[in-house]
Protein backbone atom coordinates (compact mmCIF):
# COMPACT_ATOMS: atom_id res chain seq x y z
CA MET A 1 0.03 -0.05 -0.05
CA ILE A 2 1.23 3.45 -0.75
CA VAL A 3 1.36 5.62 2.29
CA ASP A 4 2.83 9.17 1.43
CA LEU A 5 4.07 11.64 4.22
CA PHE A 6 4.66 15.34 3.49
CA VAL A 7 6.39 17.37 6.00
CA ALA A 8 7.57 21.03 6.08
CA PRO A 9 6.74 24.31 7.95
CA PRO A 10 4.10 26.44 6.31
CA GLY A 11 5.05 28.20 3.18
CA TYR A 12 7.59 25.56 1.94
CA GLY A 13 5.31 24.23 -0.78
CA LYS A 14 4.05 20.93 0.66
CA SER A 15 0.46 21.58 -0.38
CA VAL A 16 1.61 22.43 -3.85
CA LEU A 17 3.53 19.30 -4.00
CA ALA A 18 0.77 17.18 -2.72
CA ASN A 19 -1.71 18.74 -5.11
CA SER A 20 0.69 18.23 -7.87
CA ILE A 21 0.79 14.57 -7.13
CA LEU A 22 -3.04 14.41 -7.21
CA LEU A 23 -3.01 16.19 -10.57
CA ALA A 24 -0.34 13.81 -11.98
CA LEU A 25 -2.56 10.76 -10.63
CA CYS A 26 -5.55 12.24 -12.53
CA VAL A 27 -3.74 12.29 -15.86
CA SER A 28 -1.70 9.15 -15.46
CA TYR A 29 -2.27 6.01 -17.42
CA ALA A 30 -2.44 4.24 -14.05
CA ALA A 31 -5.72 5.97 -13.34
CA LEU A 32 -7.39 4.59 -16.52
CA GLY A 33 -7.90 1.12 -15.34
CA PRO A 34 -9.61 -1.65 -17.14
CA THR A 35 -12.89 0.26 -17.42
CA GLY A 36 -11.80 3.04 -19.74
CA ALA A 37 -10.68 6.71 -19.19
CA LYS A 38 -12.25 7.39 -15.94
CA LEU A 39 -10.88 9.78 -13.23
CA PRO A 40 -9.42 7.94 -10.25
CA LEU A 41 -11.47 8.19 -6.91
CA ILE A 42 -9.82 10.83 -4.85
CA GLY A 43 -10.85 12.19 -1.50
CA LYS A 44 -9.01 15.13 0.26
CA LEU A 45 -9.74 16.63 3.66
CA ASP A 46 -8.42 20.12 3.47
CA VAL A 47 -8.30 22.79 6.15
CA GLY A 48 -8.58 25.84 4.07
CA PRO A 49 -8.78 26.29 0.32
CA SER A 50 -5.13 25.05 -0.49
CA ALA A 51 -6.84 22.47 -2.92
CA GLU A 52 -9.42 24.53 -4.54
CA GLY A 53 -7.05 25.57 -7.45
CA PHE A 54 -6.43 21.76 -8.10
CA ILE A 55 -10.08 21.07 -8.47
CA ARG A 56 -10.76 24.15 -10.60
CA LEU A 57 -7.76 23.39 -12.85
CA LEU A 58 -9.07 19.82 -13.25
CA VAL A 59 -12.62 20.89 -13.95
CA GLU A 60 -11.37 23.31 -16.73
CA ALA A 61 -9.45 20.45 -18.30
CA LEU A 62 -12.44 18.17 -18.43
CA PRO A 63 -14.91 18.30 -21.28
CA PRO A 64 -18.11 20.11 -20.51
CA GLU A 65 -20.25 17.05 -20.01
CA ARG A 66 -17.76 15.64 -17.36
CA ARG A 67 -17.24 18.77 -15.25
CA ASP A 68 -19.32 17.44 -12.45
CA GLU A 69 -16.66 14.69 -11.85
CA ALA A 70 -14.62 16.99 -9.83
CA ILE A 71 -15.78 19.17 -6.95
CA TYR A 72 -14.64 21.38 -4.21
CA VAL A 73 -17.02 21.92 -1.18
CA ALA A 74 -16.36 24.31 1.80
CA MET A 75 -18.20 22.35 4.55
CA GLN A 76 -20.84 24.16 6.57
CA LEU A 77 -23.37 23.29 9.32
CA THR A 78 -26.14 25.08 7.77
CA ASP A 79 -29.02 24.20 5.50
CA GLY A 80 -27.99 22.41 2.25
CA TYR A 81 -25.23 20.57 4.06
CA GLU A 82 -27.09 17.96 5.87
CA VAL A 83 -25.44 14.60 6.05
CA ASN A 84 -27.03 11.56 7.75
CA ILE A 85 -24.46 8.94 9.03
CA PHE A 86 -27.26 6.22 8.75
CA ASP A 87 -27.36 6.25 4.90
CA THR A 88 -26.88 2.74 3.46
CA GLN A 89 -26.08 1.44 -0.08
CA VAL A 90 -29.16 1.77 -2.21
CA GLY A 91 -31.71 -0.82 -1.63
CA CYS A 92 -30.07 -2.04 1.53
CA ARG A 93 -32.04 -2.09 4.72
CA GLU A 94 -28.85 -2.28 6.98
CA PRO A 95 -25.43 -0.93 6.56
CA LEU A 96 -22.45 -2.95 5.39
CA PRO A 97 -19.97 -4.07 8.20
CA LEU A 98 -17.42 -1.19 7.56
CA GLU A 99 -20.29 1.47 7.32
CA ARG A 100 -21.68 -0.04 10.67
CA ALA A 101 -18.26 0.38 12.22
CA PHE A 102 -18.11 4.10 11.39
CA ILE A 103 -21.42 4.64 12.99
CA GLN A 104 -20.36 2.86 15.91
CA ASN A 105 -17.11 5.02 16.12
CA PHE A 106 -19.00 8.24 15.48
CA LEU A 107 -21.57 7.71 18.24
CA ALA A 108 -18.95 6.40 20.63
CA LEU A 109 -16.92 9.77 20.20
CA ALA A 110 -20.25 11.77 20.50
CA THR A 111 -21.09 10.06 23.81
CA THR A 112 -17.61 10.21 25.42
CA PRO A 113 -16.99 12.85 28.11
CA ILE A 114 -15.81 16.12 26.56
CA ASP A 115 -12.57 16.03 28.83
CA GLY A 116 -12.20 12.07 28.69
CA GLU A 117 -10.71 9.70 26.16
CA VAL A 118 -12.54 6.53 27.35
CA PRO A 119 -16.40 6.02 26.89
CA PHE A 120 -18.64 5.43 29.77
CA GLU A 121 -19.08 1.94 31.13
CA GLY A 122 -21.18 -0.19 29.04
CA MET A 123 -21.64 2.56 26.37
CA ASP A 124 -19.91 0.72 23.44
CA GLN A 125 -22.21 -2.32 23.84
CA LEU A 126 -25.22 -0.20 24.17
CA ILE A 127 -24.44 1.73 21.00
CA GLY A 128 -24.17 -1.43 19.04
CA PHE A 129 -27.59 -2.66 20.33
CA VAL A 130 -29.21 0.85 19.52
CA ILE A 131 -27.81 0.93 15.82
CA ASP A 132 -29.26 -2.43 15.20
CA GLU A 133 -32.57 -1.63 16.80
CA ALA A 134 -32.91 1.70 14.94
CA TYR A 135 -32.46 -0.08 11.61
CA ARG A 136 -34.80 -2.86 12.45
CA MET A 137 -37.43 -0.45 13.83
CA VAL A 138 -37.59 1.59 10.41
CA GLY A 139 -37.21 -1.37 8.30
CA ASP A 140 -40.06 -3.14 6.38
CA SER A 141 -40.01 -6.61 7.62
CA GLY A 142 -40.34 -8.33 11.12
CA PRO A 143 -42.47 -7.58 14.15
CA ASN A 144 -43.18 -4.23 15.81
CA ILE A 145 -41.79 -2.17 12.81
CA ARG A 146 -42.62 1.49 11.95
CA PRO A 147 -41.37 2.15 8.42
CA LYS A 148 -41.30 5.79 7.58
CA THR A 149 -44.27 6.97 5.31
CA TYR A 150 -43.87 8.28 1.78
CA HIS A 151 -45.02 11.81 1.47
CA ARG A 152 -45.46 13.10 -2.17
CA GLY A 153 -43.88 16.67 -2.70
CA LEU A 154 -40.75 16.21 -0.93
CA LEU A 155 -38.91 14.88 -4.11
CA PRO A 156 -40.88 16.08 -7.01
CA GLU A 157 -38.40 14.17 -9.32
CA VAL A 158 -39.22 10.85 -7.59
CA ASP A 159 -42.91 11.52 -7.69
CA GLU A 160 -42.73 12.11 -11.61
CA ALA A 161 -40.52 9.05 -12.05
CA LEU A 162 -43.21 6.91 -10.15
CA ARG A 163 -45.92 8.41 -12.23
CA GLN A 164 -44.14 7.86 -15.49
CA GLY A 165 -43.30 4.24 -14.45
CA GLN A 166 -47.02 3.75 -13.53
CA ALA A 167 -45.89 2.48 -10.15
CA VAL A 168 -49.03 1.48 -8.10
CA LEU A 169 -48.46 2.59 -4.34
CA GLU A 170 -51.05 2.84 -1.80
CA HIS A 171 -51.78 6.43 -0.36
CA ASP A 172 -49.96 5.38 2.88
CA ALA A 173 -47.01 3.55 1.12
CA TRP A 174 -43.52 3.33 2.85
CA TRP A 175 -40.49 5.04 1.58
CA TRP A 176 -38.96 1.51 1.21
CA GLU A 177 -41.71 0.60 -1.30
CA VAL A 178 -40.68 3.66 -3.31
CA VAL A 179 -37.11 2.59 -3.16
CA ASP A 180 -38.02 -0.89 -4.33
CA ALA A 181 -40.25 0.40 -7.25
CA LEU A 182 -37.49 2.74 -8.45
CA CYS A 183 -34.79 0.02 -8.16
CA THR A 184 -37.16 -2.33 -10.22
CA ALA A 185 -37.44 0.41 -12.95
CA GLY A 186 -33.64 0.86 -12.98
CA LYS A 187 -33.71 4.27 -11.56
CA HIS A 188 -31.08 3.70 -8.90
CA ARG A 189 -30.05 7.30 -8.53
CA LEU A 190 -33.65 8.31 -7.65
CA ALA A 191 -33.86 5.37 -5.42
CA GLU A 192 -30.85 6.55 -3.49
CA LYS A 193 -32.40 9.97 -3.03
CA ALA A 194 -35.71 8.37 -1.88
CA GLN A 195 -33.94 6.08 0.55
CA ARG A 196 -32.58 8.97 2.46
CA PHE A 197 -36.10 9.42 3.90
CA ALA A 198 -36.40 5.75 4.81
CA VAL A 199 -33.33 5.06 6.97
CA PRO A 200 -32.96 6.24 10.60
CA VAL A 201 -31.75 9.61 11.70
CA LEU A 202 -30.38 10.61 15.10
CA GLN A 203 -33.72 11.28 16.58
CA ASP A 204 -34.70 7.64 15.98
CA LEU A 205 -32.06 6.62 18.42
CA MET A 206 -34.31 7.94 21.25
CA GLU A 207 -36.99 5.52 20.44
CA ALA A 208 -34.48 2.72 19.79
CA VAL A 209 -32.85 3.07 23.17
CA ARG A 210 -36.26 3.02 24.88
CA SER A 211 -37.39 -0.10 23.17
CA PRO A 212 -37.97 -3.16 25.53
CA GLN A 213 -35.24 -5.16 23.84
CA VAL A 214 -32.63 -2.56 24.61
CA LYS A 215 -34.15 -1.25 27.89
CA ASP A 216 -34.36 -4.62 29.50
CA MET A 217 -30.72 -5.56 28.78
CA PHE A 218 -29.11 -2.29 30.20
CA SER A 219 -31.67 -1.09 32.69
CA LYS A 220 -29.23 -1.90 35.68
CA VAL A 221 -26.20 -0.77 33.96
CA LYS A 222 -24.74 2.45 35.53
CA ALA A 223 -22.43 4.73 33.58
CA GLY A 224 -20.20 5.54 36.46
CA THR A 225 -22.72 8.32 37.57
CA THR A 226 -26.18 8.32 39.10
CA GLU A 227 -27.61 7.93 35.60
CA GLU A 228 -28.46 4.71 33.93
CA THR A 229 -26.51 4.10 30.70
CA CYS A 230 -29.53 4.39 28.48
CA GLU A 231 -30.46 7.69 30.15
CA LEU A 232 -26.88 8.93 29.67
CA PHE A 233 -26.87 7.95 26.10
CA GLU A 234 -30.14 9.73 25.40
CA ARG A 235 -28.91 12.82 27.10
CA TYR A 236 -25.86 12.95 24.87
CA ILE A 237 -27.81 12.18 21.64
CA LYS A 238 -30.10 15.15 22.45
CA ALA A 239 -27.24 17.51 23.04
CA LEU A 240 -25.73 16.33 19.73
CA ILE A 241 -28.91 17.05 17.83
CA ARG A 242 -29.33 20.32 19.49
CA LYS A 243 -25.81 21.41 18.43
CA TYR A 244 -25.62 19.86 15.05
CA PRO A 245 -29.37 19.71 13.54
CA THR A 246 -27.92 19.03 10.18
CA LEU A 247 -26.85 15.59 11.29
CA ASN A 248 -30.45 14.89 12.19
CA ARG A 249 -31.99 15.16 8.80
CA PRO A 250 -32.06 13.35 5.55
CA THR A 251 -28.83 13.92 3.58
CA GLN A 252 -28.82 16.90 1.24
CA LEU A 253 -25.00 17.23 0.61
CA ASP A 254 -24.90 15.43 -2.77
CA PHE A 255 -21.83 15.03 -4.89
CA GLY A 256 -23.77 13.08 -7.63
CA PRO A 257 -21.21 11.62 -9.99
CA ALA A 258 -18.08 13.28 -8.68
CA ARG A 259 -15.05 11.09 -8.40
CA VAL A 260 -12.55 13.70 -7.14
CA ILE A 261 -13.79 15.49 -4.17
CA VAL A 262 -12.06 18.00 -1.90
CA LEU A 263 -13.80 18.91 1.38
CA ASP A 264 -12.57 21.90 3.12
CA LEU A 265 -13.22 21.62 6.94
CA GLU A 266 -11.88 25.04 7.82
CA ALA A 267 -15.30 26.47 8.85
CA VAL A 268 -16.36 23.54 10.95
CA ALA A 269 -13.15 22.32 12.56
CA PRO A 270 -12.18 25.00 15.23
CA ALA A 271 -9.35 24.77 17.76
CA GLY A 272 -8.73 26.34 21.11
CA SER A 273 -11.00 24.53 23.62
CA ALA A 274 -12.14 21.01 24.57
CA GLU A 275 -15.38 21.72 23.01
CA ALA A 276 -13.85 23.02 19.76
CA ASP A 277 -11.60 20.04 19.72
CA ARG A 278 -14.47 17.60 20.07
CA GLN A 279 -16.22 19.32 17.10
CA THR A 280 -13.10 18.90 15.06
CA ASP A 281 -12.90 15.24 15.88
CA LEU A 282 -16.56 14.74 14.81
CA MET A 283 -16.12 16.79 11.54
CA TYR A 284 -12.78 14.86 10.62
CA LEU A 285 -14.62 11.47 11.10
CA LEU A 286 -17.74 12.83 9.37
CA GLY A 287 -15.54 14.25 6.36
CA ARG A 288 -13.61 10.96 6.10
CA HIS A 289 -17.01 9.00 5.80
CA ILE A 290 -18.47 11.40 3.21
CA LEU A 291 -15.20 11.04 1.04
CA ALA A 292 -14.17 7.40 1.53
CA ARG A 293 -17.36 5.53 2.33
CA ASN A 294 -17.41 3.79 -0.95
CA PHE A 295 -13.58 3.18 -1.25
CA PHE A 296 -13.69 -0.05 0.66
CA LEU A 297 -16.37 -1.78 -1.41
CA ARG A 298 -15.53 -5.30 -2.67
CA PRO A 299 -17.41 -7.46 -5.23
CA LYS A 300 -17.93 -10.23 -2.54
CA TYR A 301 -19.86 -7.59 -0.43
CA ALA A 302 -22.76 -7.86 -3.00
CA GLU A 303 -23.60 -11.15 -1.35
CA GLN A 304 -24.90 -9.05 1.41
CA VAL A 305 -27.26 -6.86 -0.33
CA PRO A 306 -30.95 -7.52 -1.28
CA GLU A 307 -31.40 -9.71 -4.45
CA LEU A 308 -33.27 -6.94 -6.06
CA VAL A 309 -30.12 -4.69 -6.29
CA ARG A 310 -27.62 -7.51 -6.28
CA GLU A 311 -26.72 -7.30 -9.96
CA PHE A 312 -26.53 -3.54 -9.89
CA HIS A 313 -24.23 -3.57 -6.88
CA THR A 314 -21.94 -6.40 -8.10
CA LYS A 315 -21.05 -4.25 -11.19
CA ARG A 316 -20.70 -1.02 -9.05
CA PHE A 317 -18.70 -2.64 -6.33
CA THR A 318 -16.35 -4.22 -8.92
CA GLU A 319 -15.73 -1.06 -10.65
CA VAL A 320 -14.94 0.79 -7.37
CA TYR A 321 -12.66 -2.13 -6.30
CA GLU A 322 -10.58 -2.02 -9.42
CA ALA A 323 -10.32 1.81 -9.64
CA THR A 324 -7.28 3.78 -8.42
CA LYS A 325 -8.19 5.38 -5.08
CA ARG A 326 -6.46 7.89 -2.81
CA LEU A 327 -7.48 9.61 0.34
CA ASP A 328 -5.43 12.68 1.59
CA TYR A 329 -5.32 14.54 4.85
CA ASP A 330 -3.98 17.89 4.97
CA GLU A 331 -2.93 19.65 8.16
CA TYR A 332 -2.76 16.44 9.83
CA HIS A 333 -1.41 17.96 12.97
CA ARG A 334 -5.01 18.98 13.67
CA THR A 335 -5.79 15.41 14.64
CA LYS A 336 -2.95 15.09 17.16
CA GLY A 337 -4.27 13.62 20.29
CA ARG A 338 -7.62 12.84 18.67
CA ARG A 339 -7.87 9.24 19.63
CA PHE A 340 -10.93 8.28 17.43
CA VAL A 341 -9.70 10.12 14.28
CA ARG A 342 -6.32 8.49 14.51
CA ALA A 343 -7.78 5.12 15.10
CA GLN A 344 -9.83 5.70 11.88
CA VAL A 345 -6.75 6.56 9.92
CA GLU A 346 -4.87 3.55 11.36
CA ARG A 347 -7.84 1.40 10.25
CA ASP A 348 -7.77 2.83 6.79
CA ARG A 349 -4.08 2.00 6.49
CA ARG A 350 -4.55 -1.51 7.49
CA GLU A 351 -7.71 -2.06 5.53
CA GLY A 352 -6.42 0.02 2.50
CA ARG A 353 -3.81 -2.44 1.19
CA LYS A 354 -6.69 -5.02 0.34
CA HIS A 355 -8.69 -2.29 -1.42
CA GLY A 356 -5.90 -0.63 -3.52
CA LEU A 357 -6.04 2.68 -1.39
CA GLN A 358 -3.36 5.23 -1.45
CA LEU A 359 -2.95 7.42 1.60
CA GLY A 360 -1.40 10.87 1.77
CA LEU A 361 -0.92 12.91 5.00
CA SER A 362 0.58 16.44 5.22
CA SER A 363 1.75 18.20 8.39
CA GLN A 364 4.24 20.62 9.80
CA ARG A 365 6.28 18.41 11.99
CA MET A 366 7.49 14.94 12.16
CA GLU A 367 5.94 14.28 15.58
CA ASP A 368 2.54 14.90 14.18
CA PHE A 369 2.41 11.38 12.24
CA GLY A 370 3.19 9.01 15.13
CA ASP A 371 5.53 5.99 14.91
CA ASP A 372 3.25 3.55 13.18
CA LEU A 373 2.57 5.82 10.17
CA VAL A 374 6.16 6.65 9.89
CA SER A 375 7.29 2.99 10.04
CA GLN A 376 4.73 1.90 7.46
CA SER A 377 5.03 4.85 5.12
CA THR A 378 6.47 4.16 1.58
CA GLY A 379 6.89 7.79 0.41
CA ARG A 380 8.33 10.44 2.55
CA PHE A 381 8.56 13.96 1.07
CA VAL A 382 10.65 16.39 3.07
CA LEU A 383 10.41 20.04 1.95
CA GLY A 384 12.06 21.69 5.03
CA ALA A 385 12.43 21.61 8.75
CA GLY A 386 11.53 24.40 11.17
CA ASP A 387 14.61 24.36 13.14
CA GLU A 388 17.79 22.30 13.72
CA LYS A 389 16.07 20.06 16.21
CA GLU A 390 13.36 19.19 13.87
CA ALA A 391 15.84 18.54 11.13
CA GLU A 392 17.70 16.06 13.19
CA GLU A 393 14.50 14.38 14.14
CA ILE A 394 13.59 13.94 10.58
CA ILE A 395 17.14 12.44 9.92
CA THR A 396 16.89 10.04 12.71
CA ARG A 397 13.29 8.94 12.18
CA PHE A 398 13.62 8.36 8.50
CA ARG A 399 17.07 6.80 8.94
CA LEU A 400 18.57 9.02 6.33
CA THR A 401 22.12 8.60 4.92
CA GLU A 402 24.70 11.35 5.44
CA ALA A 403 24.22 12.82 2.18
CA ALA A 404 20.42 12.96 2.54
CA GLY A 405 20.91 14.37 6.05
CA GLU A 406 22.96 17.33 4.57
CA VAL A 407 20.06 18.06 2.16
CA VAL A 408 17.63 18.39 5.05
CA ARG A 409 20.08 20.55 7.19
CA HIS A 410 21.12 22.87 4.37
CA LYS A 411 19.31 22.77 1.07
CA LEU A 412 15.60 22.86 1.66
CA LYS A 413 14.79 26.54 1.82
CA GLY A 414 11.20 26.67 0.34
CA PRO A 415 9.92 27.94 -3.09
CA ASP A 416 12.54 29.88 -5.15
CA GLU A 417 11.71 33.62 -5.62
CA ASN A 418 12.32 33.33 -9.40
CA GLY A 419 9.59 30.59 -9.73
CA SER A 420 12.10 27.92 -10.41
CA GLY A 421 10.44 25.48 -7.98
CA SER A 422 10.34 24.10 -4.49
CA PRO A 423 13.24 21.69 -3.53
CA PHE A 424 12.44 18.55 -1.55
CA LEU A 425 13.90 15.30 -0.47
CA ALA A 426 12.10 12.13 -1.67
CA ILE A 427 12.63 8.92 0.27
CA ILE A 428 10.89 6.12 -1.47
CA ASP A 429 10.75 2.57 -0.23
CA ALA A 430 9.85 -0.04 -2.99
CA ASP A 431 10.45 -3.68 -3.36
CA ASN A 432 12.74 -3.69 -0.34
CA VAL A 433 14.95 -0.98 -2.02
CA ARG A 434 15.17 2.57 -0.64
CA TYR A 435 15.73 5.66 -2.93
CA GLU A 436 16.86 9.04 -1.55
CA GLN A 437 16.78 11.84 -4.14
CA MET A 438 16.71 15.68 -3.88
CA LEU A 439 14.27 16.94 -6.36
CA VAL A 440 12.66 20.28 -7.32
CA ASN A 441 8.89 20.55 -7.81
CA SER A 442 8.96 22.90 -10.78
CA LEU A 443 5.62 23.80 -12.31
CA GLY A 444 4.35 26.00 -15.04
CA PRO A 445 2.93 29.39 -14.23
CA ILE A 446 -0.73 28.13 -14.77
CA GLU A 447 -0.25 25.42 -12.12
CA LEU A 448 1.81 27.71 -9.82
CA TRP A 449 -1.09 30.31 -9.74
CA ALA A 450 -3.73 27.61 -9.54
CA PHE A 451 -2.01 25.83 -6.54
CA SER A 452 -0.66 28.94 -4.72
CA THR A 453 -1.80 29.30 -1.15
CA THR A 454 0.18 32.49 -0.31
CA PRO A 455 -2.45 35.08 1.04
CA THR A 456 -1.52 37.95 -1.15
CA ASP A 457 -1.57 35.77 -4.35
CA VAL A 458 -4.77 34.17 -3.43
CA ALA A 459 -6.52 37.56 -2.89
CA LEU A 460 -5.26 38.81 -6.27
CA ARG A 461 -6.18 35.48 -7.99
CA ASN A 462 -9.85 35.47 -6.49
CA ARG A 463 -10.29 39.08 -7.62
CA LEU A 464 -9.36 37.96 -11.23
CA TYR A 465 -11.68 34.84 -10.83
CA GLU A 466 -14.51 37.00 -9.87
CA LEU A 467 -14.08 39.59 -12.55
CA VAL A 468 -12.92 37.68 -15.71
CA GLY A 469 -13.31 33.97 -14.74
CA PHE A 470 -11.08 31.24 -13.83
CA SER A 471 -9.49 30.42 -17.24
CA GLU A 472 -8.94 34.03 -18.25
CA GLY A 473 -7.67 35.08 -14.83
CA LEU A 474 -5.14 32.33 -14.79
CA ARG A 475 -4.05 33.31 -18.31
CA ARG A 476 -3.51 36.91 -17.41
CA LEU A 477 -1.68 36.26 -14.13
CA SER A 478 0.61 33.63 -15.72
CA ARG A 479 1.50 36.02 -18.52
CA VAL A 480 2.24 38.98 -16.21
CA PHE A 481 3.82 37.21 -13.29
CA PRO A 482 5.18 33.98 -14.76
CA THR A 483 6.98 32.96 -11.50
CA GLY A 484 3.67 32.18 -10.01
CA THR A 485 3.51 35.01 -7.42
CA ALA A 486 3.03 38.85 -7.27
CA LYS A 487 4.45 39.05 -3.79
CA LYS A 488 7.33 41.44 -4.67
CA GLU A 489 5.15 43.71 -6.82
CA VAL A 490 2.47 43.82 -4.18
CA GLY A 491 5.14 44.48 -1.42
CA ARG A 492 6.76 47.23 -3.43
CA ARG A 493 3.36 49.10 -4.06
CA LYS A 494 2.29 48.50 -0.52
CA ASP A 495 5.46 50.14 0.88
CA GLU A 496 4.90 53.09 -1.16
CA ARG A 497 1.43 53.47 0.19
CA LEU A 498 2.54 53.09 3.79
CA ARG A 499 5.22 55.78 3.28
CA ARG A 500 2.36 58.09 2.28
CA GLY A 501 0.61 57.36 5.57
CA GLU A 502 -1.99 54.74 4.50
CA GLU A 503 -3.17 52.30 7.09
CA ASP A 504 -1.70 48.74 6.50
CA GLY A 505 -4.93 46.78 5.92
CA ARG A 506 -6.17 49.48 3.50
CA ALA A 507 -2.91 49.59 1.73
CA GLN A 508 -2.72 45.84 1.16
CA ALA A 509 -6.47 45.76 -0.14
CA GLY A 510 -5.66 48.84 -2.24
CA VAL A 511 -2.80 47.31 -4.01
CA VAL A 512 -4.51 44.03 -4.79
CA ASP A 513 -7.52 46.15 -6.17
CA GLU A 514 -5.13 48.10 -8.28
CA LEU A 515 -3.26 45.23 -9.73
CA ALA A 516 -6.49 43.40 -10.52
CA ASP A 517 -7.77 46.49 -12.38
CA GLU A 518 -4.60 46.72 -14.26
CA LEU A 519 -4.67 43.03 -15.24
CA ILE A 520 -8.28 43.38 -16.34
CA ASN A 521 -7.79 46.48 -18.52
CA GLY A 522 -4.30 45.51 -19.66
CA ARG A 523 -2.52 48.74 -18.76
CA GLY A 524 -0.07 49.96 -16.31
CA LEU A 525 2.00 46.78 -16.17
CA GLY A 526 3.90 47.12 -19.41
CA ILE A 527 2.00 44.33 -21.17
CA VAL A 528 -0.78 44.51 -23.65
CA LEU A 529 -2.90 41.56 -24.36
CA ARG A 530 -3.02 41.03 -28.12
CA LYS A 531 -6.60 40.66 -29.58
CA HIS A 532 -5.71 37.56 -31.44
CA GLU A 533 -4.62 35.56 -28.38
CA THR A 534 -6.82 32.88 -27.45
CA THR A 535 -8.90 33.15 -24.31
CA ASP A 536 -9.70 29.39 -24.11
CA GLY A 537 -9.23 27.75 -20.73
CA PRO A 538 -5.96 26.27 -19.60
CA LYS A 539 -5.20 22.70 -20.51
CA ILE A 540 -3.34 20.54 -18.06
CA GLY A 541 0.29 20.62 -18.77
CA VAL A 542 -0.16 22.82 -21.82
CA PHE A 543 -0.66 26.65 -22.23
C-alpha cells in the first residue's frame, strides 16, 4: 500500500507538491484502469482552500459533459449541508460491516465525556444494540416495525418517475416501497435519494434506546454516575442533535457523479478549547466518511445486499474495487491527540492495502504522524525543517544517509523567488529498496497560480476569478507574473502607500484592487494583451 507523508513548515510548498501529485494521478495512465478513461477516486480533507485551485484546474481541463466529476466543497453546518450517518447502499436495509463500524465509532466519540478519552461503562455495547434496533425499527420486515411513510412533494423528481413508471402505491406507502419500485425500474440514482427518507436519523435513536429489547438489557447498567447508561446515552444524543441539527435530517449534501472531491473543513473544525476539539474530531470523522465511504467496497460484499439490487451492486462494487483510489489528509497535526480520528486513519491504513487505497498525509512536524505511520510509510517527502532540532528528528526517524541528512540541514529553503520551484527530498521504499533523491517541484505558471496558497496571491487570484473567470484570470496572471507570484510587486506598492501614511490593511487591499484593475484593463504593467490571443481555458500541462 502507498502511504505518503509530506512534512515541512508553512510556506515551504508541501500543499503544492501534494496537489501536484493528485493532478499527476488524474492524468496518469495508471488511473485509466480496465474500465476506460475514468478519473481515479480521490478524496481530500483540507483545512483551508489550498486544494481549490487543483479542483478548478481539473474541472477546466475536463470536457463540459464531465465537469461534475470533480468538486470542491467548503463544509458548513447550515441548510443544504445535511449529512445523515445512517445512509446505506441503495436498496439495503442495513449498513455494510465497515459502514456500521463507522457509525459505532462516531456515536462512541459523541457520547464520550468532553474531557475524557474513554467511553462510559457499557456505552460501546449499548451503542451497538441501539444501531441494530434503529435499523430494525424503521425497516419493512419483522414484528413491531414502523417504516417511514412516503410523502409526495418532498422529492418531485421521484414523484414524477413513479408516475411515469406507472408504479401502483397505496396512499400510505412506505419509502422502502418507493425505493424498491425505483430500483425495479432501473432508476437507482432516484432510489438513492428516496432512500434517504427511509433510513434512521439521530432522533430515531431515542425510540430505539427506549425499546424493551434494549431497555431490559441495560436497565441496571450504571455509567459511573447516578444515571443509567440508557439515560446518559439519550442525554448525549439530544445534545448532539441540538448542536448539530444538520446531522439529524435526510442527507442533502450530494456529490452526484463526482470522483474527485475536496472537502474543506476550515469553517467546521475549530481549535482552542475542549469543546472545539470535540467538534473537530466529529467533523474529521464525518468528512472521512463522506469522502471514503465507498472506497472500501468489494465485489463479494454484493452477497450481503438484497437480491433486487445485487446485480446492480456487483457491477458497481467491482468498478470501485478496480479503480485507483487515494485519500489525503491535509493539516494532519489538527488530529494530534484525537484518539478516534487517529484510530480511523490507522484502520484505513490497515484495510487500504486490500482495497488498493493510497493514503497521503501532510503536516508541519515529524512528531505529528506517530511511529506507526512513519514506519509503514512508503513515500516521505521532506520540503524543509522548522529548526535544527526538527531537522535532526527527521534525519533520525527516517534513518537518512549522511548525504540525505545534509540536504535536510542545508538545502531545503522553500520555493525559489524566481519561480524555479520548491526543492524537496524524496525518500521512497519500494520492493525492499530505498531511494533517496533531492528533487525540485517545478511547475508552469498556470499550475503555480492555481495551486498557490500565499494569502497575497490568493487575494489577487480570487479578484481575477470573480471579474474575468477562472481560465482568463489564470491566463493573465501567468503572463504578467510567470514566476507564479506577485508578492514582490504587491510588497513594493504597499510600501509606497505606507510611506504616504496609508493604514496597513487598507494599503494591502488597495494594492490588490489596483493590480486586479490593471490586469483586467491590460494597462499599467507594461503588457498589452493582443486581440488575436486565445482566451480558451488552460489545459493541463499545456498553455
